[in-house]
Amino acid sequence: MRSAWIEKRKGQANISQMHDARHGACDRDDELSRVRYAFDWNKQFELSLDPEEDLACLEKVLEEQKAAVVTG
C-alpha cells in the first residue's frame, strides 16, 4: 500500500515538474517575442537556445555577404 502511494506521489511530482518546465518555456517565449518586437538583437541572442552557435552563424553569414559585396 505504501509503495503505491509513493509511486503516485512520484507521478504527481513529475507532472508538476513538466508543468513548471512548460510554464517557464512560455515565459521565455513571451520574452523572446517582446525583444523581437523591440529589435533588441543582443537580448535575442541571449534568449536563444545556443547563443554561441547562433552568433557564430551570424558572423559567418555577415562575412559571406561582405565578400559578395566586395567581389560583386
C-alpha atoms as a PDB file:
ATOM      1  CA  MET A   1       0.000   0.000   0.000  1.00  0.00           C
ATOM      2  CA  ARG A   2       2.767   2.441   0.925  1.00  0.00           C
ATOM      3  CA  SER A   3       4.612   1.619  -2.303  1.00  0.00           C
ATOM      4  CA  ALA A   4       1.571   2.562  -4.388  1.00  0.00           C
ATOM      5  CA  TRP A   5       1.298   5.865  -2.513  1.00  0.00           C
ATOM      6  CA  ILE A   6       4.988   6.624  -3.140  1.00  0.00           C
ATOM      7  CA  GLU A   7       4.638   5.844  -6.853  1.00  0.00           C
ATOM      8  CA  LYS A   8       1.552   8.057  -7.049  1.00  0.00           C
ATOM      9  CA  ARG A   9       3.460  10.937  -5.393  1.00  0.00           C
ATOM     10  CA  LYS A  10       6.394  10.459  -7.778  1.00  0.00           C
ATOM     11  CA  GLY A  11       3.986  10.649 -10.700  1.00  0.00           C
ATOM     12  CA  GLN A  12       2.432  13.813  -9.342  1.00  0.00           C
ATOM     13  CA  ALA A  13       5.878  15.340  -8.867  1.00  0.00           C
ATOM     14  CA  ASN A  14       6.791  14.548 -12.468  1.00  0.00           C
ATOM     15  CA  ILE A  15       3.583  16.131 -13.732  1.00  0.00           C
ATOM     16  CA  SER A  16       4.278  19.196 -11.609  1.00  0.00           C
ATOM     17  CA  GLN A  17       7.831  19.439 -12.954  1.00  0.00           C
ATOM     18  CA  MET A  18       6.605  19.142 -16.529  1.00  0.00           C
ATOM     19  CA  HIS A  19       4.057  21.897 -15.913  1.00  0.00           C
ATOM     20  CA  ASP A  20       6.720  24.145 -14.397  1.00  0.00           C
ATOM     21  CA  ALA A  21       9.063  23.488 -17.319  1.00  0.00           C
ATOM     22  CA  ARG A  22       6.301  24.269 -19.805  1.00  0.00           C
ATOM     23  CA  HIS A  23       5.340  27.406 -17.891  1.00  0.00           C
ATOM     24  CA  GLY A  24       8.976  28.528 -17.975  1.00  0.00           C
ATOM     25  CA  ALA A  25       9.084  27.855 -21.698  1.00  0.00           C
ATOM     26  CA  CYS A  26       6.004  30.022 -22.207  1.00  0.00           C
ATOM     27  CA  ASP A  27       7.576  32.835 -20.203  1.00  0.00           C
ATOM     28  CA  ARG A  28      10.782  32.551 -22.257  1.00  0.00           C
ATOM     29  CA  ASP A  29       8.796  32.541 -25.492  1.00  0.00           C
ATOM     30  CA  ASP A  30       6.833  35.634 -24.404  1.00  0.00           C
ATOM     31  CA  GLU A  31      10.071  37.440 -23.511  1.00  0.00           C
ATOM     32  CA  LEU A  32      11.577  36.467 -26.862  1.00  0.00           C
ATOM     33  CA  SER A  33       8.517  37.879 -28.637  1.00  0.00           C
ATOM     34  CA  ARG A  34       8.911  41.168 -26.765  1.00  0.00           C
ATOM     35  CA  VAL A  35      12.595  41.549 -27.625  1.00  0.00           C
ATOM     36  CA  ARG A  36      11.959  40.643 -31.276  1.00  0.00           C
ATOM     37  CA  TYR A  37       9.310  43.340 -31.443  1.00  0.00           C
ATOM     38  CA  ALA A  38      11.785  45.806 -29.913  1.00  0.00           C
ATOM     39  CA  PHE A  39      14.557  44.693 -32.323  1.00  0.00           C
ATOM     40  CA  ASP A  40      16.821  44.012 -29.339  1.00  0.00           C
ATOM     41  CA  TRP A  41      19.310  41.781 -31.143  1.00  0.00           C
ATOM     42  CA  ASN A  42      21.613  41.268 -28.170  1.00  0.00           C
ATOM     43  CA  LYS A  43      18.770  40.077 -25.944  1.00  0.00           C
ATOM     44  CA  GLN A  44      17.513  37.812 -28.746  1.00  0.00           C
ATOM     45  CA  PHE A  45      20.859  36.074 -28.831  1.00  0.00           C
ATOM     46  CA  GLU A  46      20.883  35.806 -25.020  1.00  0.00           C
ATOM     47  CA  LEU A  47      17.485  34.087 -25.095  1.00  0.00           C
ATOM     48  CA  SER A  48      18.341  31.728 -27.945  1.00  0.00           C
ATOM     49  CA  LEU A  49      18.865  28.050 -27.181  1.00  0.00           C
ATOM     50  CA  ASP A  50      22.526  28.127 -28.267  1.00  0.00           C
ATOM     51  CA  PRO A  51      23.766  31.744 -28.243  1.00  0.00           C
ATOM     52  CA  GLU A  52      27.395  30.928 -29.119  1.00  0.00           C
ATOM     53  CA  GLU A  53      26.470  28.891 -32.186  1.00  0.00           C
ATOM     54  CA  ASP A  54      23.887  31.456 -33.283  1.00  0.00           C
ATOM     55  CA  LEU A  55      26.426  34.279 -33.068  1.00  0.00           C
ATOM     56  CA  ALA A  56      28.988  32.200 -34.979  1.00  0.00           C
ATOM     57  CA  CYS A  57      26.400  31.544 -37.694  1.00  0.00           C
ATOM     58  CA  LEU A  58      25.567  35.250 -37.897  1.00  0.00           C
ATOM     59  CA  GLU A  59      29.241  36.171 -38.191  1.00  0.00           C
ATOM     60  CA  LYS A  60      29.689  33.628 -40.993  1.00  0.00           C
ATOM     61  CA  VAL A  61      26.704  34.994 -42.908  1.00  0.00           C
ATOM     62  CA  LEU A  62      27.900  38.580 -42.473  1.00  0.00           C
ATOM     63  CA  GLU A  63      31.376  37.632 -43.723  1.00  0.00           C
ATOM     64  CA  GLU A  64      29.850  35.912 -46.769  1.00  0.00           C
ATOM     65  CA  GLN A  65      27.693  38.954 -47.505  1.00  0.00           C
ATOM     66  CA  LYS A  66      30.659  41.270 -47.124  1.00  0.00           C
ATOM     67  CA  ALA A  67      32.717  39.105 -49.506  1.00  0.00           C
ATOM     68  CA  ALA A  68      29.857  39.135 -52.032  1.00  0.00           C
ATOM     69  CA  VAL A  69      29.672  42.940 -51.930  1.00  0.00           C
ATOM     70  CA  VAL A  70      33.431  43.274 -52.379  1.00  0.00           C
ATOM     71  CA  THR A  71      33.559  40.861 -55.344  1.00  0.00           C
ATOM     72  CA  GLY A  72      30.194  41.920 -56.811  1.00  0.00           C
END
